[in-house]
């Protein structure tokens, strides 16, 4: 049985690493035919500067463009659809990806959310509740898709890398629909209709902590790549000490024949895992059970709201408000019915999805709500509809203890590692 090949490169220079990974996988001229259309799909889901590791490093995107250009393609397109509630073009600009891609020679930069020419693709033998999916024509007709994720902690799936990054090829409506069913199954249903031909993962400064919002970059200094997204993700997890058996969508992938997980079925070329291993702190393995003192109802919620609530739980600890507010019952995502027997002042309703239940609890406007709004609703027990007059002052005052808290908890986890 043939093995999935995963290449690992480690060097101080990003272009050197990207070129080495392509070489280890057979060379760019073998991977990309001349006169082809190549779409690069980075991770630019949330606004964040390059140093935050919220998005794929612009230097990695530029290095891949320069490498792909050697194969003489007809066109190189950089395309993304940011997370629900985020503006793609803003994310691409703030992350530095837009500027880096243009300077490296990208022919087009496309916001998938703004595309009007969509094709409806049926999902055969769907495992989720989704039966079809709308995708932009240019993506379906592209000769090659190269997936450019960054490895980071993620609230809805424990971590995000190759498999999860392809969720950014859909528009907000589909994105929301994927969260109305079993997300792992919906994600893999997506992979049955649109596949990336190659995964080049940014593990130069991957992010631990409470991602995708509150990231803590870790210096690992690697680029990894392969055709098999499951093998790439499994190898990345082994590089950072994440238990594969504890990650839901690996189990889902195993039953779909999308890729291989088992270490003895993956051929690692270049650097070996033992040479680059570095334990990372990925706190979402327990999901919302991480905060057992609170009743949280996250079913059908998008990753933006899930991440926001997870972030808020830890921020309440940092501000000394966690124990004081354990009577709060937090609901997110579309719900036909709310938990029974909860006083209105204790029922926290997060986001536009729950607007119809506004009269039954403390409602927080937004899709997703603004970053501090959930915490303020819990602490103040007041609706969060418009930003208060002192919004900037309050955020600035909270930032100091929050950053001190994150520094303490990261230092403790690194000592344990």
Protein backbone atom coordinates (compact mmCIF):
# COMPACT_ATOMS: atom_id res chain seq x y z
CA UNK A 1 0.00 0.00 0.00
CA UNK A 2 1.46 3.37 -1.02
CA UNK A 3 2.09 5.92 1.69
CA UNK A 4 1.08 9.57 1.88
CA UNK A 5 4.16 11.75 1.66
CA UNK A 6 4.54 14.73 3.99
CA UNK A 7 7.56 17.03 3.65
CA UNK A 8 8.98 19.00 6.58
CA UNK A 9 11.49 21.81 6.07
CA UNK A 10 13.18 23.87 8.78
CA UNK A 11 15.34 26.91 8.05
CA UNK A 12 15.66 30.57 9.01
CA UNK A 13 14.57 31.64 5.52
CA UNK A 14 10.93 31.12 4.49
CA UNK A 15 11.61 31.05 0.74
CA UNK A 16 14.24 28.36 1.28
CA UNK A 17 11.76 26.24 3.24
CA UNK A 18 8.96 26.63 0.71
CA UNK A 19 11.27 25.72 -2.19
CA UNK A 20 12.57 22.72 -0.26
CA UNK A 21 9.06 21.41 0.46
CA UNK A 22 8.12 21.65 -3.23
CA UNK A 23 11.37 19.89 -4.13
CA UNK A 24 10.79 17.10 -1.61
CA UNK A 25 7.33 16.56 -3.09
CA UNK A 26 8.71 16.15 -6.60
CA UNK A 27 9.39 19.70 -7.76
CA UNK A 28 7.03 22.50 -8.74
CA UNK A 29 7.29 21.69 -12.47
CA UNK A 30 5.98 18.18 -11.73
CA UNK A 31 3.23 19.42 -9.41
CA UNK A 32 1.94 22.29 -11.60
CA UNK A 33 1.54 22.10 -15.39
CA UNK A 34 2.44 25.11 -17.56
CA UNK A 35 -0.34 27.50 -18.65
CA UNK A 36 -2.62 26.42 -15.79
CA UNK A 37 -4.80 28.44 -13.43
CA UNK A 38 -3.65 28.10 -9.83
CA UNK A 39 -5.72 29.28 -6.85
CA UNK A 40 -3.95 29.86 -3.54
CA UNK A 41 -6.21 29.65 -0.48
CA UNK A 42 -4.55 31.23 2.60
CA UNK A 43 -6.09 31.57 6.05
CA UNK A 44 -7.22 35.19 6.41
CA UNK A 45 -10.38 34.67 8.43
CA UNK A 46 -10.05 37.44 11.03
CA UNK A 47 -8.35 40.84 11.03
CA UNK A 48 -4.93 40.45 12.60
CA UNK A 49 -1.47 41.81 11.90
CA UNK A 50 1.25 39.39 10.69
CA UNK A 51 2.89 39.15 14.12
CA UNK A 52 -0.31 37.78 15.73
CA UNK A 53 -0.30 34.49 13.76
CA UNK A 54 -4.07 34.86 13.37
CA UNK A 55 -3.57 34.46 9.61
CA UNK A 56 -1.13 32.76 7.27
CA UNK A 57 2.16 34.64 7.19
CA UNK A 58 2.30 37.01 4.20
CA UNK A 59 5.90 35.90 3.69
CA UNK A 60 4.71 32.31 3.22
CA UNK A 61 2.06 33.36 0.70
CA UNK A 62 4.63 35.39 -1.24
CA UNK A 63 7.15 32.54 -1.18
CA UNK A 64 4.59 30.09 -2.61
CA UNK A 65 3.63 32.54 -5.37
CA UNK A 66 7.30 32.92 -6.36
CA UNK A 67 7.77 29.14 -6.34
CA UNK A 68 4.62 28.45 -8.36
CA UNK A 69 5.65 31.09 -10.90
CA UNK A 70 8.58 28.82 -11.83
CA UNK A 71 6.07 26.37 -13.35
CA UNK A 72 4.89 29.07 -15.80
CA UNK A 73 1.19 29.05 -14.91
CA UNK A 74 -1.28 31.14 -16.91
CA UNK A 75 -2.70 32.76 -13.79
CA UNK A 76 -2.17 32.78 -10.02
CA UNK A 77 -5.20 33.78 -7.95
CA UNK A 78 -5.28 34.38 -4.19
CA UNK A 79 -8.80 33.75 -2.90
CA UNK A 80 -10.43 33.74 0.53
CA UNK A 81 -13.76 34.08 2.34
CA UNK A 82 -13.25 35.42 5.86
CA UNK A 83 -15.20 34.22 8.90
CA UNK A 84 -18.84 35.20 9.34
CA UNK A 85 -19.04 38.85 10.29
CA UNK A 86 -15.55 39.64 8.97
CA UNK A 87 -14.70 41.54 5.80
CA UNK A 88 -12.39 39.49 3.61
CA UNK A 89 -10.64 42.40 1.95
CA UNK A 90 -10.00 44.00 5.35
CA UNK A 91 -8.54 40.73 6.65
CA UNK A 92 -6.30 40.36 3.60
CA UNK A 93 -5.10 43.95 3.99
CA UNK A 94 -4.53 43.94 7.76
CA UNK A 95 -2.78 40.56 7.62
CA UNK A 96 -0.31 41.85 5.03
CA UNK A 97 -1.32 39.10 2.61
CA UNK A 98 -2.76 41.44 -0.04
CA UNK A 99 0.38 43.56 -0.29
CA UNK A 100 2.73 40.56 -0.19
CA UNK A 101 0.74 38.69 -2.84
CA UNK A 102 0.66 41.63 -5.24
CA UNK A 103 4.37 42.30 -4.83
CA UNK A 104 5.17 38.61 -5.41
CA UNK A 105 3.22 38.61 -8.67
CA UNK A 106 -0.31 37.33 -7.96
CA UNK A 107 -2.56 38.07 -10.94
CA UNK A 108 -5.80 38.40 -8.99
CA UNK A 109 -6.99 38.66 -5.41
CA UNK A 110 -10.59 37.54 -5.01
CA UNK A 111 -13.03 37.87 -2.13
CA UNK A 112 -15.13 34.71 -2.43
CA UNK A 113 -17.93 36.36 -0.48
CA UNK A 114 -18.43 38.91 -3.26
CA UNK A 115 -18.62 36.37 -6.08
CA UNK A 116 -21.97 36.21 -7.90
CA UNK A 117 -21.22 33.44 -10.40
CA UNK A 118 -21.95 30.42 -8.22
CA UNK A 119 -22.50 26.78 -9.10
CA UNK A 120 -24.73 24.48 -7.06
CA UNK A 121 -22.86 21.23 -6.46
CA UNK A 122 -24.71 18.19 -5.06
CA UNK A 123 -23.06 16.33 -2.18
CA UNK A 124 -23.27 12.64 -2.96
CA UNK A 125 -23.58 10.33 0.04
CA UNK A 126 -23.56 13.29 2.44
CA UNK A 127 -22.86 12.49 6.07
CA UNK A 128 -24.12 15.86 7.33
CA UNK A 129 -27.55 17.44 6.82
CA UNK A 130 -26.23 19.33 3.80
CA UNK A 131 -27.32 17.98 0.41
CA UNK A 132 -25.65 20.56 -1.87
CA UNK A 133 -23.25 23.45 -1.72
CA UNK A 134 -22.77 26.68 -3.68
CA UNK A 135 -19.24 27.43 -4.83
CA UNK A 136 -17.78 30.09 -7.13
CA UNK A 137 -17.27 29.02 -10.73
CA UNK A 138 -13.63 30.20 -10.86
CA UNK A 139 -12.77 27.84 -8.00
CA UNK A 140 -14.45 24.83 -9.58
CA UNK A 141 -12.81 25.52 -12.94
CA UNK A 142 -9.29 26.14 -11.57
CA UNK A 143 -6.65 23.63 -12.62
CA UNK A 144 -5.05 23.56 -9.17
CA UNK A 145 -5.93 24.67 -5.66
CA UNK A 146 -3.07 25.10 -3.22
CA UNK A 147 -4.18 25.27 0.41
CA UNK A 148 -2.05 27.63 2.57
CA UNK A 149 -3.21 27.24 6.18
CA UNK A 150 -1.51 28.32 9.37
CA UNK A 151 -1.60 25.85 12.24
CA UNK A 152 -3.34 27.39 15.24
CA UNK A 153 -5.63 26.68 18.16
CA UNK A 154 -9.32 26.93 17.27
CA UNK A 155 -12.43 26.91 19.46
CA UNK A 156 -14.75 24.95 17.20
CA UNK A 157 -12.35 22.18 16.08
CA UNK A 158 -9.49 22.18 18.67
CA UNK A 159 -7.04 23.28 15.96
CA UNK A 160 -7.18 24.49 12.37
CA UNK A 161 -4.84 23.56 9.56
CA UNK A 162 -5.30 21.97 6.13
CA UNK A 163 -8.73 20.33 6.49
CA UNK A 164 -10.36 23.20 8.35
CA UNK A 165 -8.85 25.94 6.17
CA UNK A 166 -10.87 24.85 3.12
CA UNK A 167 -14.02 25.94 4.94
CA UNK A 168 -12.98 29.40 3.76
CA UNK A 169 -14.06 28.70 0.16
CA UNK A 170 -17.76 29.16 0.97
CA UNK A 171 -19.89 32.25 1.44
CA UNK A 172 -21.49 33.23 4.75
CA UNK A 173 -24.81 31.48 4.06
CA UNK A 174 -23.12 28.12 3.47
CA UNK A 175 -20.69 28.79 6.30
CA UNK A 176 -23.64 29.22 8.67
CA UNK A 177 -25.38 26.12 7.29
CA UNK A 178 -22.31 24.03 8.06
CA UNK A 179 -22.70 24.97 11.72
CA UNK A 180 -26.34 23.89 11.76
CA UNK A 181 -25.28 20.28 11.34
CA UNK A 182 -22.35 18.18 12.58
CA UNK A 183 -19.46 20.45 11.66
CA UNK A 184 -16.86 17.70 11.21
CA UNK A 185 -19.17 15.82 8.82
CA UNK A 186 -20.07 19.01 6.93
CA UNK A 187 -16.39 19.89 6.58
CA UNK A 188 -15.62 16.52 5.07
CA UNK A 189 -18.70 16.69 2.84
CA UNK A 190 -17.17 19.90 1.50
CA UNK A 191 -13.92 18.08 0.76
CA UNK A 192 -15.83 15.54 -1.38
CA UNK A 193 -16.85 18.31 -3.81
CA UNK A 194 -13.85 20.65 -3.69
CA UNK A 195 -10.34 19.40 -2.95
CA UNK A 196 -7.03 21.18 -2.58
CA UNK A 197 -4.39 19.54 -4.74
CA UNK A 198 -1.57 20.54 -2.43
CA UNK A 199 -1.29 21.67 1.19
CA UNK A 200 1.57 23.98 2.20
CA UNK A 201 1.15 24.68 5.91
CA UNK A 202 2.66 27.62 7.76
CA UNK A 203 4.30 26.30 10.91
CA UNK A 204 6.85 29.09 11.12
CA UNK A 205 5.09 30.74 14.06
CA UNK A 206 1.96 28.67 14.67
CA UNK A 207 -0.42 29.83 17.39
CA UNK A 208 -1.36 28.27 20.70
CA UNK A 209 -3.81 29.71 23.24
CA UNK A 210 -7.41 30.76 22.75
CA UNK A 211 -7.50 31.03 18.97
CA UNK A 212 -8.56 32.21 16.57
CA UNK A 213 -8.99 35.50 18.46
CA UNK A 214 -6.37 35.44 21.22
CA UNK A 215 -3.36 33.78 19.68
CA UNK A 216 0.05 33.19 21.22
CA UNK A 217 2.64 32.59 18.49
CA UNK A 218 5.22 29.84 19.02
CA UNK A 219 8.54 29.74 17.19
CA UNK A 220 8.77 26.38 15.42
CA UNK A 221 10.30 27.60 12.17
CA UNK A 222 8.91 24.99 9.79
CA UNK A 223 6.96 24.65 6.57
CA UNK A 224 5.23 21.34 5.95
CA UNK A 225 3.47 20.12 2.84
CA UNK A 226 1.80 17.24 1.08
CA UNK A 227 -1.04 16.27 -1.22
CA UNK A 228 -3.00 14.45 1.52
CA UNK A 229 -4.64 16.99 3.89
CA UNK A 230 -5.32 14.41 6.58
CA UNK A 231 -1.71 13.22 6.60
CA UNK A 232 -0.48 16.82 6.71
CA UNK A 233 -2.77 17.61 9.66
CA UNK A 234 -1.87 14.40 11.49
CA UNK A 235 1.84 15.12 11.04
CA UNK A 236 1.40 18.71 12.25
CA UNK A 237 -0.38 17.43 15.37
CA UNK A 238 2.42 14.98 16.08
CA UNK A 239 4.94 17.82 15.71
CA UNK A 240 3.22 19.78 18.51
CA UNK A 241 2.15 16.96 20.81
CA UNK A 242 -1.60 17.06 20.11
CA UNK A 243 -3.36 13.73 20.69
CA UNK A 244 -4.93 12.82 17.33
CA UNK A 245 -7.43 10.46 18.98
CA UNK A 246 -8.91 13.44 20.85
CA UNK A 247 -9.70 15.42 17.68
CA UNK A 248 -13.17 14.76 16.31
CA UNK A 249 -12.67 15.27 12.61
CA UNK A 250 -9.80 12.81 12.31
CA UNK A 251 -12.34 10.13 13.22
CA UNK A 252 -14.74 11.50 10.63
CA UNK A 253 -11.99 11.59 7.98
CA UNK A 254 -11.03 7.98 8.69
CA UNK A 255 -14.47 6.86 7.58
CA UNK A 256 -14.48 8.91 4.38
CA UNK A 257 -11.30 7.75 2.66
CA UNK A 258 -10.08 11.34 2.28
CA UNK A 259 -6.61 10.67 3.66
CA UNK A 260 -4.55 8.67 6.11
CA UNK A 261 -3.90 9.25 9.79
CA UNK A 262 -1.78 6.29 10.85
CA UNK A 263 1.88 7.12 11.35
CA UNK A 264 3.07 3.95 9.61
CA UNK A 265 1.13 4.98 6.47
CA UNK A 266 2.78 8.40 6.25
CA UNK A 267 6.25 8.85 4.78
CA UNK A 268 7.87 11.92 6.30
CA UNK A 269 10.62 13.36 4.09
CA UNK A 270 13.07 16.14 4.90
CA UNK A 271 13.24 16.81 8.61
CA UNK A 272 11.76 14.16 10.90
CA UNK A 273 9.16 14.87 13.58
CA UNK A 274 11.68 14.17 16.34
CA UNK A 275 13.95 16.91 14.96
CA UNK A 276 11.31 19.65 15.03
CA UNK A 277 9.00 18.57 17.90
CA UNK A 278 7.78 21.31 20.19
CA UNK A 279 4.82 20.95 22.53
CA UNK A 280 2.09 23.54 22.05
CA UNK A 281 -0.69 24.59 24.42
CA UNK A 282 -4.01 23.82 22.68
CA UNK A 283 -6.68 24.30 25.36
CA UNK A 284 -9.86 23.32 23.48
CA UNK A 285 -9.64 19.53 23.78
CA UNK A 286 -12.34 19.54 26.47
CA UNK A 287 -14.53 21.93 24.48
CA UNK A 288 -16.89 23.97 26.60
CA UNK A 289 -16.42 21.45 29.40
CA UNK A 290 -13.28 23.48 30.06
CA UNK A 291 -15.61 25.78 32.05
CA UNK A 292 -17.84 23.32 33.98
CA UNK A 293 -19.04 26.00 36.39
CA UNK A 294 -21.09 27.57 33.59
CA UNK A 295 -24.00 26.25 31.56
CA UNK A 296 -23.15 26.95 27.93
CA UNK A 297 -25.31 25.88 24.97
CA UNK A 298 -23.10 26.13 21.83
CA UNK A 299 -24.98 23.81 19.45
CA UNK A 300 -25.38 25.17 15.88
CA UNK A 301 -23.15 28.17 16.62
CA UNK A 302 -20.53 29.36 14.18
CA UNK A 303 -16.86 29.33 15.07
CA UNK A 304 -16.82 33.11 15.51
CA UNK A 305 -19.35 32.99 18.36
CA UNK A 306 -17.84 29.83 19.87
CA UNK A 307 -14.41 31.43 19.90
CA UNK A 308 -15.82 34.63 21.35
CA UNK A 309 -17.51 32.85 24.25
CA UNK A 310 -14.42 30.73 24.97
CA UNK A 311 -12.29 33.87 24.96
CA UNK A 312 -14.82 35.54 27.29
CA UNK A 313 -14.70 32.71 29.84
CA UNK A 314 -10.97 33.13 30.24
CA UNK A 315 -11.20 36.91 30.26
CA UNK A 316 -13.70 36.74 33.13
CA UNK A 317 -11.05 34.83 35.08
CA UNK A 318 -8.46 37.46 34.28
CA UNK A 319 -10.77 40.24 35.48
CA UNK A 320 -11.81 38.45 38.69
CA UNK A 321 -15.40 38.06 37.46
CA UNK A 322 -15.56 34.32 36.74
CA UNK A 323 -16.71 33.05 40.11
CA UNK A 324 -19.11 35.95 40.66
CA UNK A 325 -21.18 35.21 37.55
CA UNK A 326 -21.64 31.44 37.53
CA UNK A 327 -25.42 31.87 37.53
CA UNK A 328 -25.18 33.04 33.90
CA UNK A 329 -26.57 30.62 31.30
CA UNK A 330 -24.99 31.33 27.91
CA UNK A 331 -26.72 30.45 24.66
CA UNK A 332 -25.30 30.83 21.15
CA UNK A 333 -26.36 29.65 17.70
CA UNK A 334 -29.85 29.30 16.24
CA UNK A 335 -32.30 27.77 18.70
CA UNK A 336 -35.99 26.96 18.33
CA UNK A 337 -36.30 26.74 22.11
CA UNK A 338 -34.30 28.11 25.01
CA UNK A 339 -33.34 26.36 28.27
CA UNK A 340 -36.29 26.33 30.64
CA UNK A 341 -36.43 27.70 34.15
CA UNK A 342 -33.78 30.41 33.72
CA UNK A 343 -34.43 33.91 35.01
CA UNK A 344 -34.29 36.57 32.33
CA UNK A 345 -31.39 38.38 34.01
CA UNK A 346 -29.29 35.19 33.93
CA UNK A 347 -29.98 34.15 30.32
CA UNK A 348 -27.27 35.52 28.03
CA UNK A 349 -28.22 35.39 24.32
CA UNK A 350 -25.28 35.81 21.95
CA UNK A 351 -25.72 37.28 18.53
CA UNK A 352 -28.17 37.91 15.72
CA UNK A 353 -29.20 34.23 15.59
CA UNK A 354 -31.06 34.70 18.90
CA UNK A 355 -32.69 38.07 18.17
CA UNK A 356 -36.15 36.48 18.07
CA UNK A 357 -35.73 35.46 21.74
CA UNK A 358 -34.62 38.92 22.80
CA UNK A 359 -37.50 39.44 25.23
CA UNK A 360 -36.51 36.32 27.20
CA UNK A 361 -32.96 37.20 28.18
CA UNK A 362 -30.00 39.57 27.97
CA UNK A 363 -29.46 39.90 24.23
CA UNK A 364 -26.14 40.81 22.58
CA UNK A 365 -26.40 42.32 19.10
CA UNK A 366 -24.05 41.35 16.29
CA UNK A 367 -22.97 38.59 13.91
CA UNK A 368 -20.73 38.02 15.68
CA UNK A 369 -21.01 40.44 18.62
CA UNK A 370 -18.14 42.81 19.31
CA UNK A 371 -15.29 41.27 21.26
CA UNK A 372 -16.02 42.73 24.74
CA UNK A 373 -19.82 42.60 24.50
CA UNK A 374 -20.37 39.06 25.80
CA UNK A 375 -18.29 39.67 28.90
CA UNK A 376 -20.01 42.97 29.60
CA UNK A 377 -23.45 41.36 29.23
CA UNK A 378 -22.47 38.70 31.77
CA UNK A 379 -20.96 41.16 34.24
CA UNK A 380 -23.45 44.03 33.85
CA UNK A 381 -26.56 41.91 33.03
CA UNK A 382 -27.56 44.53 30.47
CA UNK A 383 -28.32 44.17 26.77
CA UNK A 384 -25.42 45.02 24.48
CA UNK A 385 -26.91 46.74 21.44
CA UNK A 386 -24.86 49.89 20.92
CA UNK A 387 -21.31 50.44 22.19
CA UNK A 388 -21.32 52.38 25.47
CA UNK A 389 -19.83 55.87 25.58
CA UNK A 390 -16.79 54.61 27.52
CA UNK A 391 -16.11 51.61 25.27
CA UNK A 392 -12.48 52.49 24.49
CA UNK A 393 -11.60 53.38 28.07
CA UNK A 394 -13.14 50.16 29.42
CA UNK A 395 -11.42 48.00 26.82
CA UNK A 396 -8.07 49.64 27.55
CA UNK A 397 -8.49 49.10 31.29
CA UNK A 398 -9.29 45.41 30.77
CA UNK A 399 -6.44 44.80 28.35
CA UNK A 400 -3.71 45.08 31.00
CA UNK A 401 -4.96 42.33 33.36
CA UNK A 402 -5.97 40.19 30.38
CA UNK A 403 -2.50 40.24 28.83
CA UNK A 404 -0.88 39.63 32.23
CA UNK A 405 -3.17 36.64 32.72
CA UNK A 406 -2.33 35.18 29.29
CA UNK A 407 1.40 35.61 29.93
CA UNK A 408 1.07 33.76 33.27
CA UNK A 409 -0.95 30.88 31.88
CA UNK A 410 1.31 30.47 28.82
CA UNK A 411 4.40 30.47 31.02
CA UNK A 412 2.85 27.80 33.25
CA UNK A 413 1.94 25.55 30.33
CA UNK A 414 5.40 25.90 28.83
CA UNK A 415 6.98 24.92 32.14
CA UNK A 416 4.78 21.83 32.21
CA UNK A 417 5.70 21.01 28.61
